[in-house]
PDB file of N, CA and C in Angstrom:
ATOM      1  N   MET A   1      76.889 153.899  99.906  1.00  0.00           N
ATOM      2  CA  MET A   1      76.215 153.895  98.627  1.00  0.00           C
ATOM      3  C   MET A   1      77.182 153.605  97.490  1.00  0.00           C
ATOM      4  N   ALA A   2      78.379 154.151  97.570  1.00  0.00           N
ATOM      5  CA  ALA A   2      79.362 153.942  96.502  1.00  0.00           C
ATOM      6  C   ALA A   2      79.686 152.459  96.333  1.00  0.00           C
ATOM      7  N   ILE A   3      79.809 151.738  97.426  1.00  0.00           N
ATOM      8  CA  ILE A   3      80.117 150.312  97.343  1.00  0.00           C
ATOM      9  C   ILE A   3      78.961 149.556  96.702  1.00  0.00           C
ATOM     10  N   SER A   4      77.735 149.924  97.033  1.00  0.00           N
ATOM     11  CA  SER A   4      76.562 149.294  96.424  1.00  0.00           C
ATOM     12  C   SER A   4      76.518 149.542  94.920  1.00  0.00           C
ATOM     13  N   LEU A   5      76.807 150.765  94.515  1.00  0.00           N
ATOM     14  CA  LEU A   5      76.812 151.090  93.093  1.00  0.00           C
ATOM     15  C   LEU A   5      77.930 150.367  92.356  1.00  0.00           C
ATOM     16  N   LEU A   6      79.089 150.295  92.970  1.00  0.00           N
ATOM     17  CA  LEU A   6      80.209 149.593  92.356  1.00  0.00           C
ATOM     18  C   LEU A   6      79.902 148.105  92.209  1.00  0.00           C
ATOM     19  N   ALA A   7      79.334 147.509  93.243  1.00  0.00           N
ATOM     20  CA  ALA A   7      78.961 146.090  93.191  1.00  0.00           C
ATOM     21  C   ALA A   7      77.902 145.861  92.106  1.00  0.00           C
ATOM     22  N   ALA A   8      76.908 146.719  92.040  1.00  0.00           N
ATOM     23  CA  ALA A   8      75.863 146.579  91.024  1.00  0.00           C
ATOM     24  C   ALA A   8      76.444 146.729  89.623  1.00  0.00           C
ATOM     25  N   HIS A   9      77.381 147.654  89.467  1.00  0.00           N
ATOM     26  CA  HIS A   9      78.026 147.843  88.166  1.00  0.00           C
ATOM     27  C   HIS A   9      78.796 146.594  87.761  1.00  0.00           C
ATOM     28  N   PHE A  10      79.570 146.029  88.667  1.00  0.00           N
ATOM     29  CA  PHE A  10      80.316 144.806  88.361  1.00  0.00           C
ATOM     30  C   PHE A  10      79.379 143.668  87.982  1.00  0.00           C
ATOM     31  N   ILE A  11      78.293 143.530  88.709  1.00  0.00           N
ATOM     32  CA  ILE A  11      77.329 142.467  88.419  1.00  0.00           C
ATOM     33  C   ILE A  11      76.711 142.666  87.031  1.00  0.00           C
ATOM     34  N   GLY A  12      76.267 143.882  86.756  1.00  0.00           N
ATOM     35  CA  GLY A  12      75.640 144.157  85.468  1.00  0.00           C
ATOM     36  C   GLY A  12      76.599 144.138  84.305  1.00  0.00           C
ATOM     37  N   ASP A  13      77.807 144.630  84.522  1.00  0.00           N
ATOM     38  CA  ASP A  13      78.760 144.782  83.421  1.00  0.00           C
ATOM     39  C   ASP A  13      79.546 143.516  83.124  1.00  0.00           C
ATOM     40  N   TRP A  14      79.744 142.669  84.104  1.00  0.00           N
ATOM     41  CA  TRP A  14      80.527 141.457  83.862  1.00  0.00           C
ATOM     42  C   TRP A  14      79.725 140.180  84.055  1.00  0.00           C
ATOM     43  N   TYR A  15      79.058 140.036  85.161  1.00  0.00           N
ATOM     44  CA  TYR A  15      78.357 138.793  85.459  1.00  0.00           C
ATOM     45  C   TYR A  15      77.210 138.539  84.477  1.00  0.00           C
ATOM     46  N   PHE A  16      76.419 139.564  84.186  1.00  0.00           N
ATOM     47  CA  PHE A  16      75.274 139.405  83.290  1.00  0.00           C
ATOM     48  C   PHE A  16      75.620 139.591  81.812  1.00  0.00           C
ATOM     49  N   GLN A  17      76.883 139.828  81.501  1.00  0.00           N
ATOM     50  CA  GLN A  17      77.291 140.027  80.113  1.00  0.00           C
ATOM     51  C   GLN A  17      77.887 138.736  79.571  1.00  0.00           C
ATOM     52  N   SER A  18      77.266 138.197  78.543  1.00  0.00           N
ATOM     53  CA  SER A  18      77.802 136.968  77.950  1.00  0.00           C
ATOM     54  C   SER A  18      79.054 137.292  77.135  1.00  0.00           C
ATOM     55  N   ARG A  19      79.813 136.266  76.856  1.00  0.00           N
ATOM     56  CA  ARG A  19      81.020 136.438  76.042  1.00  0.00           C
ATOM     57  C   ARG A  19      80.646 136.956  74.645  1.00  0.00           C
ATOM     58  N   ASP A  20      79.548 136.425  74.111  1.00  0.00           N
ATOM     59  CA  ASP A  20      79.080 136.854  72.797  1.00  0.00           C
ATOM     60  C   ASP A  20      78.694 138.334  72.817  1.00  0.00           C
ATOM     61  N   MET A  21      78.008 138.758  73.869  1.00  0.00           N
ATOM     62  CA  MET A  21      77.619 140.159  73.990  1.00  0.00           C
ATOM     63  C   MET A  21      78.862 141.048  74.089  1.00  0.00           C
ATOM     64  N   ALA A  22      79.850 140.609  74.836  1.00  0.00           N
ATOM     65  CA  ALA A  22      81.081 141.384  74.981  1.00  0.00           C
ATOM     66  C   ALA A  22      81.778 141.566  73.635  1.00  0.00           C
ATOM     67  N   LYS A  23      81.752 140.538  72.813  1.00  0.00           N
ATOM     68  CA  LYS A  23      82.396 140.623  71.496  1.00  0.00           C
ATOM     69  C   LYS A  23      81.635 141.530  70.535  1.00  0.00           C
ATOM     70  N   ARG A  24      80.296 141.503  70.614  1.00  0.00           N
ATOM     71  CA  ARG A  24      79.472 142.178  69.616  1.00  0.00           C
ATOM     72  C   ARG A  24      79.011 143.580  70.007  1.00  0.00           C
ATOM     73  N   LYS A  25      79.184 143.991  71.263  1.00  0.00           N
ATOM     74  CA  LYS A  25      78.626 145.284  71.708  1.00  0.00           C
ATOM     75  C   LYS A  25      79.283 146.495  71.056  1.00  0.00           C
ATOM     76  N   SER A  26      80.467 146.331  70.492  1.00  0.00           N
ATOM     77  CA  SER A  26      81.120 147.475  69.854  1.00  0.00           C
ATOM     78  C   SER A  26      80.937 147.476  68.338  1.00  0.00           C
ATOM     79  N   SER A  27      80.174 146.516  67.830  1.00  0.00           N
ATOM     80  CA  SER A  27      79.949 146.492  66.388  1.00  0.00           C
ATOM     81  C   SER A  27      78.469 146.386  66.021  1.00  0.00           C
ATOM     82  N   GLU A  28      77.613 146.056  66.981  1.00  0.00           N
ATOM     83  CA  GLU A  28      76.180 145.945  66.720  1.00  0.00           C
ATOM     84  C   GLU A  28      75.425 146.789  67.746  1.00  0.00           C
ATOM     85  N   VAL A  29      74.768 147.814  67.255  1.00  0.00           N
ATOM     86  CA  VAL A  29      74.095 148.773  68.125  1.00  0.00           C
ATOM     87  C   VAL A  29      73.034 148.093  68.992  1.00  0.00           C
ATOM     88  N   ARG A  30      72.305 147.155  68.428  1.00  0.00           N
ATOM     89  CA  ARG A  30      71.258 146.458  69.194  1.00  0.00           C
ATOM     90  C   ARG A  30      71.851 145.728  70.395  1.00  0.00           C
ATOM     91  N   VAL A  31      72.982 145.084  70.211  1.00  0.00           N
ATOM     92  CA  VAL A  31      73.650 144.364  71.302  1.00  0.00           C
ATOM     93  C   VAL A  31      74.187 145.354  72.334  1.00  0.00           C
ATOM     94  N   LEU A  32      74.724 146.466  71.869  1.00  0.00           N
ATOM     95  CA  LEU A  32      75.210 147.504  72.777  1.00  0.00           C
ATOM     96  C   LEU A  32      74.090 147.998  73.688  1.00  0.00           C
ATOM     97  N   TRP A  33      72.918 148.319  73.126  1.00  0.00           N
ATOM     98  CA  TRP A  33      71.823 148.851  73.936  1.00  0.00           C
ATOM     99  C   TRP A  33      71.227 147.792  74.844  1.00  0.00           C
ATOM    100  N   LYS A  34      71.266 146.538  74.426  1.00  0.00           N
ATOM    101  CA  LYS A  34      70.824 145.463  75.322  1.00  0.00           C
ATOM    102  C   LYS A  34      71.742 145.398  76.535  1.00  0.00           C
ATOM    103  N   HIS A  35      73.043 145.464  76.302  1.00  0.00           N
ATOM    104  CA  HIS A  35      74.028 145.449  77.390  1.00  0.00           C
ATOM    105  C   HIS A  35      73.840 146.654  78.307  1.00  0.00           C
ATOM    106  N   VAL A  36      73.703 147.839  77.725  1.00  0.00           N
ATOM    107  CA  VAL A  36      73.524 149.056  78.523  1.00  0.00           C
ATOM    108  C   VAL A  36      72.229 148.975  79.333  1.00  0.00           C
ATOM    109  N   GLY A  37      71.188 148.420  78.752  1.00  0.00           N
ATOM    110  CA  GLY A  37      69.937 148.240  79.475  1.00  0.00           C
ATOM    111  C   GLY A  37      70.089 147.331  80.683  1.00  0.00           C
ATOM    112  N   ILE A  38      70.822 146.248  80.513  1.00  0.00           N
ATOM    113  CA  ILE A  38      71.068 145.322  81.628  1.00  0.00           C
ATOM    114  C   ILE A  38      71.836 146.017  82.744  1.00  0.00           C
ATOM    115  N   VAL A  39      72.877 146.745  82.381  1.00  0.00           N
ATOM    116  CA  VAL A  39      73.672 147.461  83.387  1.00  0.00           C
ATOM    117  C   VAL A  39      72.807 148.513  84.096  1.00  0.00           C
ATOM    118  N   THR A  40      71.996 149.225  83.350  1.00  0.00           N
ATOM    119  CA  THR A  40      71.153 150.276  83.924  1.00  0.00           C
ATOM    120  C   THR A  40      70.118 149.703  84.884  1.00  0.00           C
ATOM    121  N   VAL A  41      69.485 148.619  84.496  1.00  0.00           N
ATOM    122  CA  VAL A  41      68.499 147.988  85.381  1.00  0.00           C
ATOM    123  C   VAL A  41      69.180 147.475  86.651  1.00  0.00           C
ATOM    124  N   THR A  42      70.367 146.921  86.503  1.00  0.00           N
ATOM    125  CA  THR A  42      71.112 146.435  87.667  1.00  0.00           C
ATOM    126  C   THR A  42      71.476 147.584  88.605  1.00  0.00           C
ATOM    127  N   LEU A  43      71.841 148.721  88.044  1.00  0.00           N
ATOM    128  CA  LEU A  43      72.173 149.890  88.864  1.00  0.00           C
ATOM    129  C   LEU A  43      70.935 150.542  89.477  1.00  0.00           C
ATOM    130  N   ALA A  44      69.789 150.353  88.846  1.00  0.00           N
ATOM    131  CA  ALA A  44      68.570 151.004  89.328  1.00  0.00           C
ATOM    132  C   ALA A  44      68.166 150.526  90.724  1.00  0.00           C
ATOM    133  N   ALA A  45      68.414 149.272  91.037  1.00  0.00           N
ATOM    134  CA  ALA A  45      68.003 148.739  92.337  1.00  0.00           C
ATOM    135  C   ALA A  45      68.643 149.488  93.507  1.00  0.00           C
ATOM    136  N   PRO A  46      69.977 149.604  93.574  1.00  0.00           N
ATOM    137  CA  PRO A  46      70.541 150.340  94.709  1.00  0.00           C
ATOM    138  C   PRO A  46      70.204 151.829  94.690  1.00  0.00           C
ATOM    139  N   VAL A  47      70.102 152.410  93.502  1.00  0.00           N
ATOM    140  CA  VAL A  47      69.748 153.836  93.437  1.00  0.00           C
ATOM    141  C   VAL A  47      68.327 154.041  93.959  1.00  0.00           C
ATOM    142  N   LEU A  48      67.414 153.175  93.562  1.00  0.00           N
ATOM    143  CA  LEU A  48      66.031 153.287  94.008  1.00  0.00           C
ATOM    144  C   LEU A  48      65.919 153.120  95.530  1.00  0.00           C
ATOM    145  N   LEU A  49      66.702 152.209  96.074  1.00  0.00           N
ATOM    146  CA  LEU A  49      66.646 151.966  97.518  1.00  0.00           C
ATOM    147  C   LEU A  49      67.380 153.021  98.346  1.00  0.00           C
ATOM    148  N   LEU A  50      68.514 153.501  97.838  1.00  0.00           N
ATOM    149  CA  LEU A  50      69.371 154.377  98.638  1.00  0.00           C
ATOM    150  C   LEU A  50      69.253 155.868  98.303  1.00  0.00           C
ATOM    151  N   ALA A  51      68.888 156.175  97.079  1.00  0.00           N
ATOM    152  CA  ALA A  51      68.799 157.593  96.675  1.00  0.00           C
ATOM    153  C   ALA A  51      67.782 157.755  95.558  1.00  0.00           C
ATOM    154  N   PRO A  52      66.503 157.511  95.838  1.00  0.00           N
ATOM    155  CA  PRO A  52      65.496 157.564  94.778  1.00  0.00           C
ATOM    156  C   PRO A  52      65.391 158.917  94.071  1.00  0.00           C
ATOM    157  N   ASP A  53      65.806 159.973  94.736  1.00  0.00           N
ATOM    158  CA  ASP A  53      65.782 161.297  94.103  1.00  0.00           C
ATOM    159  C   ASP A  53      66.871 161.454  93.040  1.00  0.00           C
ATOM    160  N   ARG A  54      67.759 160.474  92.946  1.00  0.00           N
ATOM    161  CA  ARG A  54      68.852 160.539  91.965  1.00  0.00           C
ATOM    162  C   ARG A  54      68.679 159.528  90.820  1.00  0.00           C
ATOM    163  N   MET A  55      67.467 159.000  90.670  1.00  0.00           N
ATOM    164  CA  MET A  55      67.213 158.047  89.581  1.00  0.00           C
ATOM    165  C   MET A  55      67.533 158.652  88.216  1.00  0.00           C
ATOM    166  N   TRP A  56      67.386 159.954  88.082  1.00  0.00           N
ATOM    167  CA  TRP A  56      67.659 160.620  86.809  1.00  0.00           C
ATOM    168  C   TRP A  56      69.100 160.418  86.354  1.00  0.00           C
ATOM    169  N   LEU A  57      70.006 160.158  87.299  1.00  0.00           N
ATOM    170  CA  LEU A  57      71.419 159.966  86.946  1.00  0.00           C
ATOM    171  C   LEU A  57      71.660 158.682  86.151  1.00  0.00           C
ATOM    172  N   LEU A  58      70.678 157.788  86.151  1.00  0.00           N
ATOM    173  CA  LEU A  58      70.828 156.561  85.367  1.00  0.00           C
ATOM    174  C   LEU A  58      70.875 156.862  83.866  1.00  0.00           C
ATOM    175  N   VAL A  59      70.206 157.909  83.437  1.00  0.00           N
ATOM    176  CA  VAL A  59      70.183 158.245  82.003  1.00  0.00           C
ATOM    177  C   VAL A  59      71.564 158.688  81.512  1.00  0.00           C
ATOM    178  N   PRO A  60      72.202 159.701  82.127  1.00  0.00           N
ATOM    179  CA  PRO A  60      73.540 160.053  81.642  1.00  0.00           C
ATOM    180  C   PRO A  60      74.546 158.915  81.841  1.00  0.00           C
ATOM    181  N   ASN A  61      74.354 158.116  82.897  1.00  0.00           N
ATOM    182  CA  ASN A  61      75.242 156.979  83.103  1.00  0.00           C
ATOM    183  C   ASN A  61      75.112 155.984  81.950  1.00  0.00           C
ATOM    184  N   ALA A  62      73.890 155.710  81.527  1.00  0.00           N
ATOM    185  CA  ALA A  62      73.669 154.780  80.421  1.00  0.00           C
ATOM    186  C   ALA A  62      74.284 155.311  79.131  1.00  0.00           C
ATOM    187  N   LEU A  63      74.098 156.598  78.861  1.00  0.00           N
ATOM    188  CA  LEU A  63      74.663 157.188  77.641  1.00  0.00           C
ATOM    189  C   LEU A  63      76.186 157.161  77.657  1.00  0.00           C
ATOM    190  N   LEU A  64      76.767 157.484  78.803  1.00  0.00           N
ATOM    191  CA  LEU A  64      78.222 157.452  78.927  1.00  0.00           C
ATOM    192  C   LEU A  64      78.748 156.027  78.800  1.00  0.00           C
ATOM    193  N   HIS A  65      78.060 155.082  79.422  1.00  0.00           N
ATOM    194  CA  HIS A  65      78.465 153.674  79.336  1.00  0.00           C
ATOM    195  C   HIS A  65      78.431 153.204  77.878  1.00  0.00           C
ATOM    196  N   ALA A  66      77.371 153.569  77.156  1.00  0.00           N
ATOM    197  CA  ALA A  66      77.260 153.189  75.749  1.00  0.00           C
ATOM    198  C   ALA A  66      78.396 153.807  74.929  1.00  0.00           C
ATOM    199  N   PHE A  67      78.672 155.079  75.160  1.00  0.00           N
ATOM    200  CA  PHE A  67      79.744 155.766  74.432  1.00  0.00           C
ATOM    201  C   PHE A  67      81.093 155.091  74.688  1.00  0.00           C
ATOM    202  N   ILE A  68      81.372 154.791  75.942  1.00  0.00           N
ATOM    203  CA  ILE A  68      82.650 154.169  76.298  1.00  0.00           C
ATOM    204  C   ILE A  68      82.752 152.776  75.691  1.00  0.00           C
ATOM    205  N   ASP A  69      81.717 151.964  75.867  1.00  0.00           N
ATOM    206  CA  ASP A  69      81.798 150.604  75.346  1.00  0.00           C
ATOM    207  C   ASP A  69      81.923 150.578  73.834  1.00  0.00           C
ATOM    208  N   TRP A  70      81.179 151.411  73.149  1.00  0.00           N
ATOM    209  CA  TRP A  70      81.238 151.422  71.685  1.00  0.00           C
ATOM    210  C   TRP A  70      82.624 151.867  71.203  1.00  0.00           C
ATOM    211  N   ASN A  71      83.131 152.962  71.750  1.00  0.00           N
ATOM    212  CA  ASN A  71      84.397 153.531  71.277  1.00  0.00           C
ATOM    213  C   ASN A  71      85.618 152.813  71.818  1.00  0.00           C
ATOM    214  N   LEU A  72      85.617 152.498  73.088  1.00  0.00           N
ATOM    215  CA  LEU A  72      86.775 151.837  73.686  1.00  0.00           C
ATOM    216  C   LEU A  72      87.003 150.466  73.071  1.00  0.00           C
ATOM    217  N   TRP A  73      85.954 149.668  72.999  1.00  0.00           N
ATOM    218  CA  TRP A  73      86.112 148.318  72.475  1.00  0.00           C
ATOM    219  C   TRP A  73      86.345 148.310  70.977  1.00  0.00           C
ATOM    220  N   SER A  74      85.789 149.276  70.247  1.00  0.00           N
ATOM    221  CA  SER A  74      86.067 149.368  68.816  1.00  0.00           C
ATOM    222  C   SER A  74      87.547 149.666  68.601  1.00  0.00           C
ATOM    223  N   GLY A  75      88.080 150.589  69.389  1.00  0.00           N
ATOM    224  CA  GLY A  75      89.508 150.920  69.297  1.00  0.00           C
ATOM    225  C   GLY A  75      90.395 149.764  69.707  1.00  0.00           C
ATOM    226  N   TYR A  76      89.994 149.051  70.738  1.00  0.00           N
ATOM    227  CA  TYR A  76      90.769 147.897  71.195  1.00  0.00           C
ATOM    228  C   TYR A  76      90.807 146.813  70.118  1.00  0.00           C
ATOM    229  N   LYS A  77      89.652 146.522  69.527  1.00  0.00           N
ATOM    230  CA  LYS A  77      89.601 145.502  68.485  1.00  0.00           C
ATOM    231  C   LYS A  77      90.454 145.900  67.279  1.00  0.00           C
ATOM    232  N   ALA A  78      90.447 147.187  66.949  1.00  0.00           N
ATOM    233  CA  ALA A  78      91.225 147.666  65.806  1.00  0.00           C
ATOM    234  C   ALA A  78      92.730 147.552  66.060  1.00  0.00           C
ATOM    235  N   SER A  79      93.131 147.561  67.320  1.00  0.00           N
ATOM    236  CA  SER A  79      94.562 147.507  67.637  1.00  0.00           C
ATOM    237  C   SER A  79      95.117 146.082  67.656  1.00  0.00           C
ATOM    238  N   ILE A  80      94.241 145.092  67.604  1.00  0.00           N
ATOM    239  CA  ILE A  80      94.683 143.696  67.641  1.00  0.00           C
ATOM    240  C   ILE A  80      94.895 143.206  66.218  1.00  0.00           C
ATOM    241  N   PRO A  81      96.093 142.723  65.916  1.00  0.00           N
ATOM    242  CA  PRO A  81      96.335 142.207  64.561  1.00  0.00           C
ATOM    243  C   PRO A  81      95.526 140.915  64.318  1.00  0.00           C
ATOM    244  N   GLU A  82      95.037 140.782  63.110  1.00  0.00           N
ATOM    245  CA  GLU A  82      94.227 139.596  62.781  1.00  0.00           C
ATOM    246  C   GLU A  82      95.062 138.433  62.375  1.00  0.00           C
TER     247      GLU A  82
END
């Protein structure tokens, strides 16, 4: 199951994320939630198939993912000289 979740995360977080979305997700809330929604839907498939009783874990995962992307990327952008 862990490998399925990791693969789904990579697909949702990198493959389905456009370059524009990656740039804007830490400065535009709408873009951030669109990205988090894509990742969550991508993760839902293996969870639904392998552990449907754990679907509730998608909610804290989405919130944590949003928190990390907003704060981590905002800090990273601030550290790059213009």
